[in-house]
Protein backbone atom coordinates (compact mmCIF):
# COMPACT_ATOMS: atom_id res chain seq x y z
CA MET A 1 0.00 0.00 0.00
CA ILE A 2 1.33 3.43 -0.95
CA ASP A 3 1.71 5.94 1.88
CA PRO A 4 -0.44 9.04 1.21
CA ARG A 5 2.41 11.26 2.48
CA CYS A 6 4.51 10.18 -0.54
CA SER A 7 3.82 11.32 -4.09
CA CYS A 8 6.84 9.68 -5.76
CA GLY A 9 6.19 6.13 -4.63
CA GLN A 10 9.81 5.65 -3.53
CA CYS A 11 9.85 6.97 0.05
CA LEU A 12 9.99 4.48 2.90
CA ALA A 13 7.44 4.76 5.73
CA GLU A 14 10.30 4.99 8.29
CA TRP A 15 11.62 8.09 6.55
CA LEU A 16 8.22 9.74 6.56
CA ASP A 17 7.70 8.82 10.24
CA CYS A 18 11.00 10.59 11.08
CA GLY A 19 9.90 13.85 9.43
CA TRP A 20 11.05 13.28 5.85
CA GLN A 21 8.96 15.20 3.34
CA CYS A 22 8.46 13.77 -0.11
CA LEU A 23 9.52 16.19 -2.82
CA GLY A 24 7.60 14.39 -5.56
CA SER A 25 8.91 12.57 -8.58
CA PRO A 26 12.63 12.91 -9.30
CA PRO A 27 13.47 15.22 -12.22
CA LEU A 28 13.97 13.76 -15.68
CA CYS A 29 17.43 13.35 -17.17
CA PRO A 30 18.04 16.60 -19.11
CA ILE A 31 19.60 14.64 -21.99
CA CYS A 32 17.33 11.63 -22.64
CA PHE A 33 14.22 12.69 -20.65
CA ASP A 34 13.75 9.10 -19.47
CA PRO A 35 11.48 9.16 -16.38
CA ALA A 36 12.87 5.80 -15.19
CA ALA A 37 16.54 6.80 -15.48
CA GLN A 38 18.46 6.93 -12.22
CA PRO A 39 20.47 10.14 -11.71
CA ALA A 40 24.22 9.58 -11.58
CA TRP A 41 26.68 10.95 -9.01
CA TYR A 42 30.37 11.64 -8.86
CA SER A 43 32.95 9.99 -6.60
CA VAL A 44 34.15 11.51 -3.38
CA VAL A 45 37.94 11.63 -3.59
CA GLN A 46 40.21 12.80 -0.81
CA ASN A 47 43.74 12.38 0.40
CA HIS A 48 45.98 14.15 2.90
CA SER A 49 46.13 17.35 0.84
CA TRP A 50 43.11 17.45 -1.49
CA GLU A 51 39.41 16.69 -1.73
CA ASN A 52 37.07 17.19 -4.67
CA LEU A 53 34.62 19.36 -2.73
CA ASP A 54 33.78 21.24 -5.92
CA ARG A 55 31.98 18.23 -7.42
CA CYS A 56 28.43 18.87 -8.53
CA ASP A 57 25.32 16.71 -8.40
CA THR A 58 25.55 15.80 -12.14
CA HIS A 59 22.55 18.07 -12.77
CA GLY A 60 20.20 15.09 -12.99
CA VAL A 61 22.07 13.42 -15.87
CA CYS A 62 21.42 9.66 -15.79
CA TRP A 63 24.07 6.93 -15.73
CA SER A 64 23.47 5.87 -19.32
CA CYS A 65 23.84 9.40 -20.73
CA LEU A 66 26.91 10.10 -18.60
CA GLN A 67 28.48 6.82 -19.77
CA HIS A 68 27.84 7.66 -23.43
CA TYR A 69 29.27 11.16 -22.88
CA VAL A 70 32.53 9.79 -21.40
CA GLU A 71 32.85 7.09 -24.09
CA LEU A 72 32.36 9.68 -26.85
CA LYS A 73 34.81 12.18 -25.37
CA VAL A 74 37.56 9.63 -24.68
CA LEU A 75 37.24 7.24 -27.63
CA ASP A 76 35.98 9.48 -30.43
CA GLU A 77 37.31 12.93 -29.54
CA GLY A 78 40.52 11.89 -27.78
CA CYS A 79 39.83 14.07 -24.73
CA TRP A 80 40.89 13.13 -21.23
CA ASN A 81 40.28 16.33 -19.25
CA LEU A 82 36.49 16.08 -19.11
CA ARG A 83 34.03 18.50 -17.58
CA CYS A 84 30.60 17.64 -16.26
CA PRO A 85 28.09 17.75 -19.15
CA GLY A 86 25.81 20.05 -17.12
CA VAL A 87 25.24 23.37 -18.89
CA GLY A 88 27.87 25.84 -17.70
CA CYS A 89 29.27 23.43 -15.08
CA LYS A 90 32.99 23.84 -14.32
CA TYR A 91 33.53 20.54 -12.45
CA CYS A 92 36.36 18.46 -13.97
CA LEU A 93 35.86 14.71 -13.65
CA VAL A 94 38.59 12.90 -11.73
CA SER A 95 39.90 9.41 -12.56
CA ASP A 96 37.62 7.80 -9.98
CA ASP A 97 34.62 9.45 -11.68
CA ILE A 98 35.64 8.03 -15.05
CA SER A 99 36.07 4.53 -13.59
CA LEU A 100 32.69 4.71 -11.83
CA ILE A 101 30.88 6.05 -14.90
CA VAL A 102 32.16 3.34 -17.27
CA SER A 103 32.01 0.51 -14.71
CA GLN A 104 28.99 -1.05 -16.49
CA SER A 105 30.11 -0.22 -20.03
CA PRO A 106 30.79 -3.02 -22.53
CA VAL A 107 33.85 -1.03 -23.68
CA ARG A 108 35.06 -0.31 -20.14
CA GLU A 109 38.61 -1.61 -20.59
CA THR A 110 39.07 0.18 -23.91
CA VAL A 111 37.86 3.48 -22.43
CA LEU A 112 40.09 3.20 -19.35
CA GLN A 113 43.17 2.24 -21.39
CA ARG A 114 42.62 5.11 -23.84
CA TYR A 115 41.94 7.52 -20.96
CA GLN A 116 45.23 6.58 -19.23
CA SER A 117 47.11 6.80 -22.51
CA LEU A 118 45.74 10.29 -23.21
CA ARG A 119 46.50 11.46 -19.67
CA SER A 120 50.14 10.45 -19.91
CA GLU A 121 50.67 11.82 -23.41
CA THR A 122 52.48 15.12 -23.89
CA GLY A 123 53.65 16.91 -26.99
CA THR A 124 57.15 17.61 -25.68
CA VAL A 125 59.05 15.24 -27.98
CA ARG A 126 57.04 16.23 -31.06
CA LEU A 127 57.46 19.93 -30.23
CA GLN A 128 61.24 19.49 -30.03
CA GLU A 129 61.29 17.66 -33.39
CA VAL A 130 59.22 20.33 -35.13
CA LEU A 131 61.23 23.22 -33.70
CA THR A 132 64.55 21.59 -34.59
CA LEU A 133 63.37 21.01 -38.16
CA ALA A 134 61.98 24.55 -38.48
CA LEU A 135 65.20 26.12 -37.23
CA ALA A 136 67.39 23.93 -39.45
CA ASP A 137 65.48 24.36 -42.71
CA ARG A 138 64.11 27.72 -43.90
CA ARG A 139 61.42 25.96 -45.93
CA GLU A 140 59.96 24.65 -42.66
CA ALA A 141 59.85 28.09 -41.00
CA TRP A 142 56.08 28.26 -41.59
CA VAL A 143 55.77 26.07 -38.48
CA LEU A 144 57.01 28.91 -36.29
CA ARG A 145 54.43 31.29 -37.77
CA GLU A 146 51.40 29.01 -37.86
CA LEU A 147 51.61 26.44 -35.06
CA GLN A 148 51.20 27.12 -31.41
CA ALA A 149 51.99 24.80 -28.51
CA CYS A 150 49.38 24.27 -25.82
CA PRO A 151 50.74 25.75 -22.58
CA ARG A 152 49.45 22.79 -20.56
CA CYS A 153 50.37 19.68 -22.58
CA LEU A 154 52.59 21.13 -25.37
CA MET A 155 50.53 19.56 -28.16
CA LEU A 156 50.80 21.55 -31.37
CA ALA A 157 47.71 23.34 -32.62
CA ARG A 158 47.01 25.31 -35.77
CA ARG A 159 44.27 27.86 -36.21
CA GLN A 160 42.77 27.86 -39.69
CA ASP A 161 40.52 30.91 -39.47
CA GLY A 162 38.31 32.85 -37.09
CA CYS A 163 39.39 34.33 -33.79
CA SER A 164 42.75 33.61 -32.20
CA HIS A 165 41.24 31.62 -29.31
CA LEU A 166 42.18 27.91 -29.28
CA VAL A 167 40.97 25.03 -27.13
CA CYS A 168 43.28 22.02 -26.88
CA ARG A 169 42.01 18.46 -26.48
CA CYS A 170 43.27 18.65 -22.88
CA SER A 171 40.62 21.40 -22.42
CA CYS A 172 43.16 24.20 -22.03
CA HIS A 173 42.01 27.52 -23.48
CA PHE A 174 44.75 29.70 -24.95
């Protein structure tokens, strides 16, 4: 029998007896609008010098949509520095978040391996090669005029047209 004090059908009688007030049905996932989708959450991570207190509540995004978002960003776009998909959210997902989000994914191992590979990759060696070549051969001097190294990961980027603002795959804006 459903308790008349609950409008969502998920509250336990003990909660209501202790003063809990039902807030109604949970909000829909803002991506898929599935009423049965369970909202996701991010991991609590802490050590002796840091804690991710800035984590958000995932803005009601469900597990399935969050999993697809991470898979797309890591496997298709080659990004490892991921932000929460909530509109305007600044929270950066930590490694534990990524592991939790893809824990039920059929491509879990592939995503985690690619994620670790992207995290450890820097453009230092390639930057040295390109600069050495450009300085040694005048015909390669265009590199110095047209390529720019990301200040965070040193990957080379080239702007084709538009404004001078660039965003690297590591999510650094420069």
